[in-house]
Amino acid sequence: MKKLIPIILILNILVFSCGSDSSSDEFLSSTNIYEMSDVTSVGWKMKKGFEIAEFPESTDARWGFYGPDGREVAVIRYPTVELANTNGLQAAQEQTEYIEPIEGITAYGDKVEKTTCRGFADYPPPYKVTQEKNLGINKTFLLNKNNFIEDAIDTINADCPRREPFYRNYLIEGNIVLLGELLRKEDLQMVDAFLEEMAIKIREGKE
């Protein structure tokens, strides 16, 4: 029995060490204080600010494009790391809030400013389209691939089956919050990896 005790201890150590490796790859934010120029220096092309959303105590809130695919990434900057991890965290959660679709249409929270149509790529045809009211015709038609069931339709509006938050994931690095666009044919893990790579480049540029 005494000979078994060392073996059990060794096995426990091995199990514990293997389990601890699972968290070793998690992104850990630094305590760096960045300027917007630190973000643009890695190739982020800063564009405009938000039109509706408000971010209390932030110093900057802009969106732009980054990476070979031109992914849109928004940056919210705060004067301190603490504010980024409190106010910034709340802002990020609000702007990326995804809700299970209600009747296939609404899939975003009340505070989300930017939304995008996801339904057409995910749902098979037919798509629902409605004629312009100024034509004097109030009918709904079905679009089966590129063919209309009824002829003589001049102007149509396609109803989006489902709208989602444009920014689906976020990451906090130092005093900045990064919001990442979900591209077509991607999953959320790919957005996470993209934001982590961008954050690491920003951090390395500061060192």
N, C-alpha and C. Protein backbone atom coordinates (compact mmCIF):
# COMPACT_ATOMS: atom_id res chain seq x y z
N MET A 1 0.82 -1.19 0.00
CA MET A 1 0.00 0.00 0.00
C MET A 1 0.86 1.25 0.00
N LYS A 2 1.98 1.19 0.79
CA LYS A 2 2.87 2.34 0.85
C LYS A 2 3.50 2.61 -0.51
N LYS A 3 3.72 1.56 -1.30
CA LYS A 3 4.34 1.74 -2.62
C LYS A 3 3.39 2.42 -3.59
N LEU A 4 2.08 2.27 -3.33
CA LEU A 4 1.09 2.86 -4.23
C LEU A 4 0.95 4.37 -4.02
N ILE A 5 1.25 4.88 -2.85
CA ILE A 5 1.06 6.30 -2.54
C ILE A 5 1.88 7.20 -3.46
N PRO A 6 3.19 6.94 -3.65
CA PRO A 6 3.96 7.79 -4.57
C PRO A 6 3.40 7.76 -5.99
N ILE A 7 2.94 6.59 -6.43
CA ILE A 7 2.39 6.48 -7.79
C ILE A 7 1.13 7.34 -7.92
N ILE A 8 0.27 7.30 -6.92
CA ILE A 8 -0.96 8.11 -6.93
C ILE A 8 -0.64 9.59 -6.96
N LEU A 9 0.36 9.99 -6.17
CA LEU A 9 0.76 11.40 -6.14
C LEU A 9 1.27 11.84 -7.49
N ILE A 10 2.07 11.00 -8.14
CA ILE A 10 2.61 11.34 -9.47
C ILE A 10 1.48 11.49 -10.47
N LEU A 11 0.49 10.57 -10.42
CA LEU A 11 -0.64 10.65 -11.34
C LEU A 11 -1.45 11.91 -11.13
N ASN A 12 -1.65 12.29 -9.87
CA ASN A 12 -2.38 13.52 -9.57
C ASN A 12 -1.69 14.74 -10.11
N ILE A 13 -0.36 14.77 -10.01
CA ILE A 13 0.42 15.90 -10.52
C ILE A 13 0.30 16.00 -12.03
N LEU A 14 0.37 14.83 -12.70
CA LEU A 14 0.26 14.82 -14.16
C LEU A 14 -1.11 15.29 -14.62
N VAL A 15 -2.17 14.82 -13.95
CA VAL A 15 -3.52 15.23 -14.31
C VAL A 15 -3.70 16.71 -14.11
N PHE A 16 -3.21 17.23 -12.99
CA PHE A 16 -3.35 18.65 -12.70
C PHE A 16 -2.60 19.50 -13.71
N SER A 17 -1.39 19.08 -14.08
CA SER A 17 -0.59 19.87 -15.02
C SER A 17 -1.21 19.86 -16.40
N CYS A 18 -1.80 18.73 -16.80
CA CYS A 18 -2.45 18.67 -18.11
C CYS A 18 -3.68 19.54 -18.15
N GLY A 19 -4.43 19.56 -17.04
CA GLY A 19 -5.62 20.39 -16.99
C GLY A 19 -5.30 21.86 -17.02
N SER A 20 -4.18 22.27 -16.43
CA SER A 20 -3.84 23.68 -16.36
C SER A 20 -3.40 24.22 -17.71
N ASP A 21 -3.00 23.35 -18.64
CA ASP A 21 -2.56 23.81 -19.95
C ASP A 21 -3.70 24.40 -20.77
N SER A 22 -4.95 24.02 -20.46
CA SER A 22 -6.08 24.46 -21.26
C SER A 22 -6.29 25.96 -21.17
N SER A 23 -5.87 26.61 -20.08
CA SER A 23 -6.07 28.04 -19.93
C SER A 23 -4.83 28.85 -20.29
N SER A 24 -3.75 28.16 -20.68
CA SER A 24 -2.50 28.86 -20.94
C SER A 24 -2.56 29.69 -22.21
N ASP A 25 -3.49 29.33 -23.13
CA ASP A 25 -3.59 30.05 -24.39
C ASP A 25 -4.57 31.21 -24.34
N GLU A 26 -5.23 31.43 -23.22
CA GLU A 26 -6.18 32.52 -23.11
C GLU A 26 -5.49 33.87 -23.17
N PHE A 27 -6.14 34.82 -23.86
CA PHE A 27 -5.57 36.16 -24.00
C PHE A 27 -5.67 36.90 -22.68
N LEU A 28 -4.57 37.50 -22.27
CA LEU A 28 -4.53 38.31 -21.05
C LEU A 28 -4.23 39.75 -21.43
N SER A 29 -5.10 40.65 -21.04
CA SER A 29 -4.91 42.06 -21.35
C SER A 29 -3.74 42.64 -20.57
N SER A 30 -3.05 43.60 -21.19
CA SER A 30 -1.96 44.29 -20.50
C SER A 30 -2.52 45.50 -19.75
N THR A 31 -1.64 46.24 -19.13
CA THR A 31 -2.04 47.47 -18.45
C THR A 31 -1.57 48.70 -19.23
N ASN A 32 -1.30 48.51 -20.50
CA ASN A 32 -0.82 49.62 -21.33
C ASN A 32 -1.90 50.68 -21.54
N ILE A 33 -1.43 51.92 -21.70
CA ILE A 33 -2.30 53.03 -22.06
C ILE A 33 -1.98 53.42 -23.50
N TYR A 34 -2.96 53.29 -24.37
CA TYR A 34 -2.73 53.53 -25.80
C TYR A 34 -3.39 54.83 -26.25
N GLU A 35 -2.81 55.38 -27.31
CA GLU A 35 -3.43 56.46 -28.07
C GLU A 35 -4.02 55.85 -29.34
N MET A 36 -4.88 56.58 -30.00
CA MET A 36 -5.45 56.06 -31.26
C MET A 36 -4.35 55.86 -32.30
N SER A 37 -3.30 56.65 -32.21
CA SER A 37 -2.18 56.51 -33.14
C SER A 37 -1.48 55.16 -32.99
N ASP A 38 -1.54 54.56 -31.78
CA ASP A 38 -0.96 53.24 -31.59
C ASP A 38 -1.73 52.18 -32.38
N VAL A 39 -3.02 52.41 -32.56
CA VAL A 39 -3.83 51.46 -33.32
C VAL A 39 -3.64 51.67 -34.82
N THR A 40 -3.61 52.92 -35.25
CA THR A 40 -3.42 53.18 -36.68
C THR A 40 -2.02 52.77 -37.14
N SER A 41 -1.07 52.74 -36.21
CA SER A 41 0.31 52.40 -36.58
C SER A 41 0.46 50.95 -37.03
N VAL A 42 -0.50 50.08 -36.67
CA VAL A 42 -0.41 48.68 -37.09
C VAL A 42 -1.20 48.43 -38.37
N GLY A 43 -1.76 49.48 -38.95
CA GLY A 43 -2.45 49.34 -40.22
C GLY A 43 -3.96 49.51 -40.17
N TRP A 44 -4.50 49.80 -38.98
CA TRP A 44 -5.94 50.05 -38.87
C TRP A 44 -6.27 51.39 -39.51
N LYS A 45 -7.17 51.38 -40.48
CA LYS A 45 -7.55 52.59 -41.21
C LYS A 45 -8.77 53.20 -40.54
N MET A 46 -8.53 54.22 -39.71
CA MET A 46 -9.59 54.84 -38.94
C MET A 46 -10.51 55.65 -39.84
N LYS A 47 -11.82 55.48 -39.65
CA LYS A 47 -12.81 56.21 -40.43
C LYS A 47 -13.67 57.08 -39.53
N LYS A 48 -14.94 56.79 -39.45
CA LYS A 48 -15.88 57.67 -38.75
C LYS A 48 -16.20 57.19 -37.34
N GLY A 49 -16.95 58.03 -36.63
CA GLY A 49 -17.40 57.68 -35.30
C GLY A 49 -18.80 57.10 -35.33
N PHE A 50 -19.29 56.70 -34.17
CA PHE A 50 -20.65 56.20 -34.05
C PHE A 50 -21.62 57.37 -34.11
N GLU A 51 -22.80 57.13 -34.67
CA GLU A 51 -23.77 58.20 -34.83
C GLU A 51 -24.81 58.24 -33.72
N ILE A 52 -25.13 57.08 -33.17
CA ILE A 52 -26.19 57.01 -32.17
C ILE A 52 -25.66 56.58 -30.80
N ALA A 53 -24.88 55.54 -30.78
CA ALA A 53 -24.40 54.97 -29.51
C ALA A 53 -23.55 55.97 -28.75
N GLU A 54 -23.72 55.97 -27.44
CA GLU A 54 -22.93 56.82 -26.55
C GLU A 54 -22.10 55.94 -25.62
N PHE A 55 -20.86 56.35 -25.39
CA PHE A 55 -19.95 55.59 -24.55
C PHE A 55 -19.42 56.50 -23.44
N PRO A 56 -20.12 56.54 -22.30
CA PRO A 56 -19.73 57.44 -21.20
C PRO A 56 -18.29 57.26 -20.76
N GLU A 57 -17.62 58.40 -20.59
CA GLU A 57 -16.24 58.48 -20.09
C GLU A 57 -15.20 57.96 -21.07
N SER A 58 -15.60 57.66 -22.29
CA SER A 58 -14.61 57.28 -23.30
C SER A 58 -14.00 58.53 -23.90
N THR A 59 -12.80 58.40 -24.44
CA THR A 59 -12.14 59.53 -25.09
C THR A 59 -12.29 59.47 -26.61
N ASP A 60 -12.46 58.28 -27.16
CA ASP A 60 -12.61 58.10 -28.60
C ASP A 60 -13.50 56.88 -28.85
N ALA A 61 -14.25 56.93 -29.95
CA ALA A 61 -15.04 55.79 -30.39
C ALA A 61 -15.17 55.90 -31.90
N ARG A 62 -14.34 55.15 -32.60
CA ARG A 62 -14.29 55.22 -34.06
C ARG A 62 -14.30 53.81 -34.65
N TRP A 63 -14.71 53.72 -35.90
CA TRP A 63 -14.63 52.45 -36.62
C TRP A 63 -13.74 52.63 -37.84
N GLY A 64 -13.18 51.52 -38.30
CA GLY A 64 -12.29 51.55 -39.45
C GLY A 64 -12.09 50.15 -39.98
N PHE A 65 -11.07 49.98 -40.81
CA PHE A 65 -10.84 48.69 -41.47
C PHE A 65 -9.43 48.20 -41.17
N TYR A 66 -9.31 46.88 -41.03
CA TYR A 66 -8.01 46.30 -40.70
C TYR A 66 -7.90 44.91 -41.30
N GLY A 67 -6.71 44.58 -41.75
CA GLY A 67 -6.43 43.24 -42.24
C GLY A 67 -6.61 43.09 -43.73
N PRO A 68 -6.14 41.99 -44.28
CA PRO A 68 -6.18 41.77 -45.73
C PRO A 68 -7.59 41.69 -46.29
N ASP A 69 -8.55 41.29 -45.46
CA ASP A 69 -9.93 41.17 -45.92
C ASP A 69 -10.73 42.46 -45.71
N GLY A 70 -10.07 43.48 -45.17
CA GLY A 70 -10.76 44.74 -44.93
C GLY A 70 -11.85 44.62 -43.89
N ARG A 71 -11.62 43.79 -42.87
CA ARG A 71 -12.62 43.61 -41.81
C ARG A 71 -12.82 44.92 -41.06
N GLU A 72 -14.06 45.23 -40.75
CA GLU A 72 -14.34 46.44 -39.98
C GLU A 72 -14.11 46.16 -38.50
N VAL A 73 -13.34 47.04 -37.88
CA VAL A 73 -13.04 46.93 -36.46
C VAL A 73 -13.28 48.29 -35.82
N ALA A 74 -14.07 48.31 -34.77
CA ALA A 74 -14.30 49.55 -34.03
C ALA A 74 -13.38 49.59 -32.82
N VAL A 75 -12.95 50.80 -32.47
CA VAL A 75 -12.05 50.99 -31.32
C VAL A 75 -12.68 52.01 -30.39
N ILE A 76 -12.88 51.62 -29.14
CA ILE A 76 -13.35 52.55 -28.10
C ILE A 76 -12.22 52.72 -27.11
N ARG A 77 -11.78 53.95 -26.91
CA ARG A 77 -10.63 54.20 -26.03
C ARG A 77 -11.09 54.91 -24.76
N TYR A 78 -10.47 54.52 -23.64
CA TYR A 78 -10.78 55.11 -22.34
C TYR A 78 -9.50 55.66 -21.71
N PRO A 79 -9.62 56.62 -20.82
CA PRO A 79 -8.41 57.20 -20.21
C PRO A 79 -7.66 56.26 -19.29
N THR A 80 -8.35 55.24 -18.76
CA THR A 80 -7.70 54.29 -17.86
C THR A 80 -8.08 52.86 -18.21
N VAL A 81 -7.27 51.93 -17.75
CA VAL A 81 -7.55 50.51 -17.94
C VAL A 81 -8.81 50.11 -17.16
N GLU A 82 -8.97 50.70 -15.97
CA GLU A 82 -10.13 50.38 -15.14
C GLU A 82 -11.43 50.72 -15.84
N LEU A 83 -11.49 51.88 -16.49
CA LEU A 83 -12.70 52.28 -17.21
C LEU A 83 -12.94 51.38 -18.42
N ALA A 84 -11.87 50.94 -19.06
CA ALA A 84 -12.03 50.03 -20.20
C ALA A 84 -12.64 48.72 -19.74
N ASN A 85 -12.29 48.28 -18.54
CA ASN A 85 -12.78 47.00 -18.03
C ASN A 85 -14.13 47.10 -17.35
N THR A 86 -14.65 48.30 -17.19
CA THR A 86 -15.98 48.49 -16.60
C THR A 86 -16.93 49.08 -17.64
N ASN A 87 -16.77 50.37 -17.90
CA ASN A 87 -17.62 51.03 -18.89
C ASN A 87 -17.41 50.43 -20.28
N GLY A 88 -16.14 50.14 -20.61
CA GLY A 88 -15.83 49.57 -21.92
C GLY A 88 -16.41 48.19 -22.09
N LEU A 89 -16.34 47.39 -21.04
CA LEU A 89 -16.91 46.04 -21.10
C LEU A 89 -18.42 46.11 -21.33
N GLN A 90 -19.08 47.02 -20.63
CA GLN A 90 -20.52 47.17 -20.81
C GLN A 90 -20.86 47.63 -22.22
N ALA A 91 -20.09 48.60 -22.73
CA ALA A 91 -20.32 49.09 -24.09
C ALA A 91 -20.13 47.98 -25.12
N ALA A 92 -19.08 47.18 -24.93
CA ALA A 92 -18.80 46.08 -25.86
C ALA A 92 -19.92 45.05 -25.85
N GLN A 93 -20.41 44.72 -24.66
CA GLN A 93 -21.49 43.75 -24.56
C GLN A 93 -22.76 44.27 -25.21
N GLU A 94 -23.01 45.57 -25.05
CA GLU A 94 -24.21 46.17 -25.65
C GLU A 94 -24.14 46.19 -27.17
N GLN A 95 -22.96 46.50 -27.72
CA GLN A 95 -22.83 46.61 -29.17
C GLN A 95 -22.72 45.26 -29.88
N THR A 96 -22.46 44.21 -29.13
CA THR A 96 -22.35 42.87 -29.73
C THR A 96 -23.47 41.94 -29.27
N GLU A 97 -24.49 42.51 -28.64
CA GLU A 97 -25.53 41.68 -28.04
C GLU A 97 -26.34 40.95 -29.11
N TYR A 98 -26.25 39.64 -29.10
CA TYR A 98 -26.97 38.79 -30.03
C TYR A 98 -28.12 38.12 -29.29
N ILE A 99 -29.30 38.19 -29.88
CA ILE A 99 -30.49 37.58 -29.30
C ILE A 99 -31.01 36.55 -30.29
N GLU A 100 -31.45 35.42 -29.77
CA GLU A 100 -32.04 34.41 -30.65
C GLU A 100 -33.18 35.05 -31.44
N PRO A 101 -33.17 34.87 -32.75
CA PRO A 101 -34.15 35.57 -33.61
C PRO A 101 -35.60 35.31 -33.21
N ILE A 102 -36.39 36.37 -33.22
CA ILE A 102 -37.83 36.27 -32.99
C ILE A 102 -38.50 36.28 -34.36
N GLU A 103 -39.13 35.18 -34.71
CA GLU A 103 -39.76 35.03 -36.02
C GLU A 103 -38.76 35.27 -37.14
N GLY A 104 -37.48 34.95 -36.88
CA GLY A 104 -36.46 35.01 -37.92
C GLY A 104 -36.03 36.40 -38.31
N ILE A 105 -36.36 37.43 -37.53
CA ILE A 105 -36.03 38.79 -37.94
C ILE A 105 -35.12 39.50 -36.93
N THR A 106 -35.58 39.67 -35.70
CA THR A 106 -34.84 40.45 -34.72
C THR A 106 -33.82 39.58 -33.99
N ALA A 107 -32.56 39.97 -34.04
CA ALA A 107 -31.52 39.16 -33.39
C ALA A 107 -30.46 40.04 -32.74
N TYR A 108 -30.84 41.24 -32.32
CA TYR A 108 -29.85 42.15 -31.72
C TYR A 108 -30.50 42.96 -30.60
N GLY A 109 -29.64 43.42 -29.67
CA GLY A 109 -30.12 44.16 -28.52
C GLY A 109 -30.49 45.60 -28.85
N ASP A 110 -31.12 46.26 -27.89
CA ASP A 110 -31.61 47.62 -28.09
C ASP A 110 -30.50 48.64 -28.29
N LYS A 111 -29.32 48.40 -27.74
CA LYS A 111 -28.23 49.38 -27.81
C LYS A 111 -27.35 49.21 -29.05
N VAL A 112 -27.57 48.14 -29.81
CA VAL A 112 -26.74 47.89 -30.99
C VAL A 112 -26.98 48.96 -32.04
N GLU A 113 -25.91 49.66 -32.45
CA GLU A 113 -26.07 50.68 -33.49
C GLU A 113 -25.98 50.07 -34.89
N LYS A 114 -24.98 49.24 -35.11
CA LYS A 114 -24.76 48.69 -36.45
C LYS A 114 -25.29 47.26 -36.52
N THR A 115 -26.14 47.02 -37.53
CA THR A 115 -26.66 45.68 -37.76
C THR A 115 -26.38 45.29 -39.20
N THR A 116 -26.46 44.01 -39.46
CA THR A 116 -26.24 43.51 -40.82
C THR A 116 -27.21 42.38 -41.11
N CYS A 117 -27.56 42.22 -42.37
CA CYS A 117 -28.47 41.16 -42.77
C CYS A 117 -27.70 39.86 -42.91
N ARG A 118 -28.13 38.85 -42.19
CA ARG A 118 -27.49 37.54 -42.26
C ARG A 118 -28.40 36.49 -42.90
N GLY A 119 -29.65 36.82 -43.11
CA GLY A 119 -30.60 35.81 -43.51
C GLY A 119 -30.42 35.26 -44.90
N PHE A 120 -30.10 36.10 -45.88
CA PHE A 120 -30.11 35.65 -47.26
C PHE A 120 -29.07 34.56 -47.53
N ALA A 121 -27.92 34.64 -46.87
CA ALA A 121 -26.89 33.63 -47.12
C ALA A 121 -27.18 32.32 -46.39
N ASP A 122 -28.00 32.41 -45.33
CA ASP A 122 -28.23 31.24 -44.49
C ASP A 122 -29.53 30.51 -44.81
N TYR A 123 -30.50 31.26 -45.31
CA TYR A 123 -31.78 30.64 -45.62
C TYR A 123 -31.89 30.33 -47.10
N PRO A 124 -32.42 29.16 -47.48
CA PRO A 124 -32.57 28.84 -48.90
C PRO A 124 -33.72 29.64 -49.50
N PRO A 125 -33.74 29.80 -50.82
CA PRO A 125 -34.86 30.46 -51.47
C PRO A 125 -36.13 29.62 -51.28
N PRO A 126 -37.32 30.18 -51.44
CA PRO A 126 -37.55 31.52 -51.97
C PRO A 126 -37.40 32.62 -50.92
N TYR A 127 -37.03 33.79 -51.38
CA TYR A 127 -36.98 34.97 -50.54
C TYR A 127 -38.24 35.78 -50.74
N LYS A 128 -38.68 36.44 -49.69
CA LYS A 128 -39.88 37.26 -49.79
C LYS A 128 -39.51 38.67 -50.26
N VAL A 129 -40.19 39.16 -51.27
CA VAL A 129 -39.95 40.51 -51.75
C VAL A 129 -41.30 41.20 -51.96
N THR A 130 -41.32 42.50 -51.75
CA THR A 130 -42.56 43.26 -51.84
C THR A 130 -42.38 44.41 -52.80
N GLN A 131 -43.41 44.68 -53.62
CA GLN A 131 -43.32 45.78 -54.56
C GLN A 131 -43.40 47.13 -53.86
N GLU A 132 -42.81 48.15 -54.53
CA GLU A 132 -42.90 49.51 -54.03
C GLU A 132 -44.36 49.94 -53.98
N LYS A 133 -44.73 50.68 -52.91
CA LYS A 133 -46.10 51.12 -52.76
C LYS A 133 -46.51 52.14 -53.83
N ASN A 134 -45.52 52.91 -54.34
CA ASN A 134 -45.87 53.94 -55.31
C ASN A 134 -46.30 53.37 -56.65
N LEU A 135 -46.16 52.05 -56.81
CA LEU A 135 -46.65 51.44 -58.04
C LEU A 135 -48.14 51.15 -57.96
N GLY A 136 -48.72 51.36 -56.78
CA GLY A 136 -50.14 51.11 -56.63
C GLY A 136 -50.49 49.65 -56.48
N ILE A 137 -49.49 48.82 -56.25
CA ILE A 137 -49.74 47.38 -56.10
C ILE A 137 -49.22 46.94 -54.74
N ASN A 138 -50.06 46.33 -53.95
CA ASN A 138 -49.66 45.90 -52.62
C ASN A 138 -49.72 44.38 -52.56
N LYS A 139 -48.74 43.73 -53.16
CA LYS A 139 -48.67 42.29 -53.19
C LYS A 139 -47.29 41.82 -52.76
N THR A 140 -47.22 40.61 -52.27
CA THR A 140 -45.94 39.99 -51.90
C THR A 140 -45.63 38.88 -52.88
N PHE A 141 -44.43 38.89 -53.41
CA PHE A 141 -44.01 37.90 -54.39
C PHE A 141 -42.89 37.06 -53.81
N LEU A 142 -42.66 35.91 -54.41
CA LEU A 142 -41.57 35.03 -53.98
C LEU A 142 -40.52 34.98 -55.07
N LEU A 143 -39.26 35.15 -54.63
CA LEU A 143 -38.14 35.10 -55.55
C LEU A 143 -37.47 33.74 -55.42
N ASN A 144 -37.57 32.93 -56.45
CA ASN A 144 -36.96 31.61 -56.45
C ASN A 144 -35.67 31.68 -57.27
N LYS A 145 -34.56 31.78 -56.55
CA LYS A 145 -33.26 32.03 -57.17
C LYS A 145 -33.33 33.36 -57.93
N ASN A 146 -33.29 33.34 -59.25
CA ASN A 146 -33.32 34.59 -60.00
C ASN A 146 -34.63 34.78 -60.76
N ASN A 147 -35.62 33.98 -60.48
CA ASN A 147 -36.87 34.05 -61.24
C ASN A 147 -38.04 34.43 -60.34
N PHE A 148 -38.86 35.34 -60.80
CA PHE A 148 -40.05 35.71 -60.08
C PHE A 148 -41.20 34.80 -60.48
N ILE A 149 -42.03 34.49 -59.51
CA ILE A 149 -43.20 33.68 -59.79
C ILE A 149 -44.19 34.45 -60.66
N GLU A 150 -44.33 35.76 -60.39
CA GLU A 150 -45.20 36.59 -61.20
C GLU A 150 -44.36 37.55 -62.03
N ASP A 151 -44.81 37.84 -63.23
CA ASP A 151 -44.07 38.70 -64.15
C ASP A 151 -44.44 40.17 -63.93
N ALA A 152 -43.83 41.03 -64.75
CA ALA A 152 -44.15 42.46 -64.79
C ALA A 152 -43.92 43.14 -63.47
N ILE A 153 -42.80 42.82 -62.82
CA ILE A 153 -42.43 43.49 -61.58
C ILE A 153 -41.27 44.43 -61.89
N ASP A 154 -41.46 45.69 -61.65
CA ASP A 154 -40.44 46.67 -61.99
C ASP A 154 -39.51 46.97 -60.82
N THR A 155 -40.07 47.35 -59.69
CA THR A 155 -39.27 47.76 -58.55
C THR A 155 -39.66 46.94 -57.33
N ILE A 156 -38.67 46.36 -56.66
CA ILE A 156 -38.96 45.53 -55.50
C ILE A 156 -38.03 45.87 -54.35
N ASN A 157 -38.46 45.55 -53.14
CA ASN A 157 -37.64 45.66 -51.94
C ASN A 157 -37.56 44.29 -51.29
N ALA A 158 -36.38 43.80 -51.04
CA ALA A 158 -36.22 42.51 -50.38
C ALA A 158 -36.28 42.69 -48.88
N ASP A 159 -37.11 41.90 -48.20
CA ASP A 159 -37.21 41.93 -46.75
C ASP A 159 -36.13 41.03 -46.17
N CYS A 160 -35.27 41.61 -45.33
CA CYS A 160 -34.20 40.81 -44.74
C CYS A 160 -34.79 39.80 -43.76
N PRO A 161 -34.51 38.52 -43.90
CA PRO A 161 -35.06 37.51 -43.00
C PRO A 161 -34.56 37.64 -41.57
N ARG A 162 -33.31 38.08 -41.40
CA ARG A 162 -32.76 38.17 -40.05
C ARG A 162 -31.63 39.20 -40.00
N ARG A 163 -31.73 40.12 -39.08
CA ARG A 163 -30.66 41.10 -38.86
C ARG A 163 -29.96 40.79 -37.54
N GLU A 164 -28.62 40.87 -37.57
CA GLU A 164 -27.82 40.58 -36.39
C GLU A 164 -26.89 41.75 -36.10
N PRO A 165 -26.26 41.76 -34.92
CA PRO A 165 -25.26 42.81 -34.65
C PRO A 165 -24.12 42.71 -35.67
N PHE A 166 -23.70 43.84 -36.18
CA PHE A 166 -22.59 43.86 -37.13
C PHE A 166 -21.31 43.39 -36.44
N TYR A 167 -21.06 43.90 -35.22
CA TYR A 167 -19.90 43.45 -34.43
C TYR A 167 -20.38 42.32 -33.52
N ARG A 168 -19.78 41.16 -33.66
CA ARG A 168 -20.23 40.01 -32.89
C ARG A 168 -19.29 39.66 -31.72
N ASN A 169 -18.03 40.06 -31.78
CA ASN A 169 -17.10 39.76 -30.69
C ASN A 169 -16.31 41.00 -30.31
N TYR A 170 -15.76 40.97 -29.11
CA TYR A 170 -14.97 42.11 -28.62
C TYR A 170 -13.77 41.61 -27.83
N LEU A 171 -12.82 42.50 -27.64
CA LEU A 171 -11.62 42.18 -26.86
C LEU A 171 -11.11 43.46 -26.23
N ILE A 172 -10.68 43.37 -24.98
CA ILE A 172 -10.13 44.52 -24.26
C ILE A 172 -8.63 44.34 -24.12
N GLU A 173 -7.89 45.33 -24.57
CA GLU A 173 -6.43 45.34 -24.42
C GLU A 173 -6.03 46.69 -23.82
N GLY A 174 -5.54 46.63 -22.60
CA GLY A 174 -5.17 47.88 -21.94
C GLY A 174 -6.38 48.78 -21.76
N ASN A 175 -6.30 49.98 -22.30
CA ASN A 175 -7.40 50.95 -22.16
C ASN A 175 -8.26 51.05 -23.41
N ILE A 176 -8.13 50.09 -24.34
CA ILE A 176 -8.93 50.13 -25.55
C ILE A 176 -9.80 48.88 -25.67
N VAL A 177 -10.95 49.08 -26.30
CA VAL A 177 -11.88 47.99 -26.58
C VAL A 177 -11.97 47.82 -28.09
N LEU A 178 -11.79 46.60 -28.56
CA LEU A 178 -11.86 46.29 -29.98
C LEU A 178 -13.14 45.51 -30.25
N LEU A 179 -13.91 45.96 -31.26
CA LEU A 179 -15.12 45.26 -31.68
C LEU A 179 -14.90 44.74 -33.08
N GLY A 180 -15.13 43.45 -33.31
CA GLY A 180 -14.80 42.84 -34.59
C GLY A 180 -16.02 42.41 -35.39
N GLU A 181 -15.97 42.68 -36.69
CA GLU A 181 -17.01 42.26 -37.62
C GLU A 181 -16.91 40.76 -37.87
N LEU A 182 -18.06 40.11 -37.97
CA LEU A 182 -18.12 38.70 -38.35
C LEU A 182 -18.30 38.63 -39.85
N LEU A 183 -17.29 38.09 -40.55
CA LEU A 183 -17.37 37.97 -42.00
C LEU A 183 -18.18 36.73 -42.39
N ARG A 184 -18.62 36.72 -43.64
CA ARG A 184 -19.34 35.57 -44.14
C ARG A 184 -18.47 34.31 -44.06
N LYS A 185 -19.11 33.19 -43.79
CA LYS A 185 -18.46 31.88 -43.71
C LYS A 185 -17.43 31.81 -42.60
N GLU A 186 -17.60 32.64 -41.55
CA GLU A 186 -16.73 32.58 -40.38
C GLU A 186 -17.53 32.12 -39.17
N ASP A 187 -16.80 31.63 -38.14
CA ASP A 187 -17.42 31.41 -36.85
C ASP A 187 -16.83 32.40 -35.86
N LEU A 188 -17.38 32.45 -34.66
CA LEU A 188 -16.96 33.45 -33.69
C LEU A 188 -15.53 33.23 -33.22
N GLN A 189 -15.08 31.98 -33.23
CA GLN A 189 -13.70 31.70 -32.82
C GLN A 189 -12.70 32.37 -33.77
N MET A 190 -13.05 32.46 -35.03
CA MET A 190 -12.17 33.10 -36.01
C MET A 190 -12.09 34.61 -35.76
N VAL A 191 -13.20 35.19 -35.34
CA VAL A 191 -13.19 36.62 -34.99
C VAL A 191 -12.33 36.84 -33.75
N ASP A 192 -12.46 35.95 -32.77
CA ASP A 192 -11.64 36.04 -31.56
C ASP A 192 -10.15 36.00 -31.90
N ALA A 193 -9.77 35.06 -32.75
CA ALA A 193 -8.37 34.91 -33.13
C ALA A 193 -7.86 36.16 -33.84
N PHE A 194 -8.70 36.72 -34.69
CA PHE A 194 -8.33 37.93 -35.42
C PHE A 194 -8.09 39.10 -34.46
N LEU A 195 -9.00 39.30 -33.51
CA LEU A 195 -8.86 40.40 -32.56
C LEU A 195 -7.64 40.21 -31.66
N GLU A 196 -7.37 38.97 -31.27
CA GLU A 196 -6.20 38.71 -30.44
C GLU A 196 -4.91 39.03 -31.20
N GLU A 197 -4.86 38.64 -32.46
CA GLU A 197 -3.68 38.93 -33.26
C GLU A 197 -3.49 40.44 -33.41
N MET A 198 -4.58 41.15 -33.63
CA MET A 198 -4.50 42.60 -33.76
C MET A 198 -4.04 43.24 -32.46
N ALA A 199 -4.59 42.78 -31.34
CA ALA A 199 -4.23 43.34 -30.03
C ALA A 199 -2.75 43.10 -29.72
N ILE A 200 -2.25 41.94 -30.06
CA ILE A 200 -0.84 41.62 -29.80
C ILE A 200 0.07 42.53 -30.62
N LYS A 201 -0.31 42.80 -31.87
CA LYS A 201 0.48 43.70 -32.70
C LYS A 201 0.48 45.12 -32.13
N ILE A 202 -0.66 45.56 -31.62
CA ILE A 202 -0.74 46.88 -31.00
C ILE A 202 0.15 46.92 -29.77
N ARG A 203 0.12 45.86 -28.98
CA ARG A 203 0.93 45.79 -27.77
C ARG A 203 2.42 45.79 -28.10
N GLU A 204 2.79 45.00 -29.09
CA GLU A 204 4.21 44.93 -29.49
C GLU A 204 4.71 46.28 -30.02
N GLY A 205 3.83 47.01 -30.69
CA GLY A 205 4.23 48.32 -31.20
C GLY A 205 4.46 49.33 -30.09
N LYS A 206 3.87 49.07 -28.95
CA LYS A 206 4.03 49.97 -27.80
C LYS A 206 5.30 49.67 -27.03
N GLU A 207 5.82 48.46 -27.17
CA GLU A 207 6.99 48.06 -26.38
C GLU A 207 8.29 48.67 -26.93
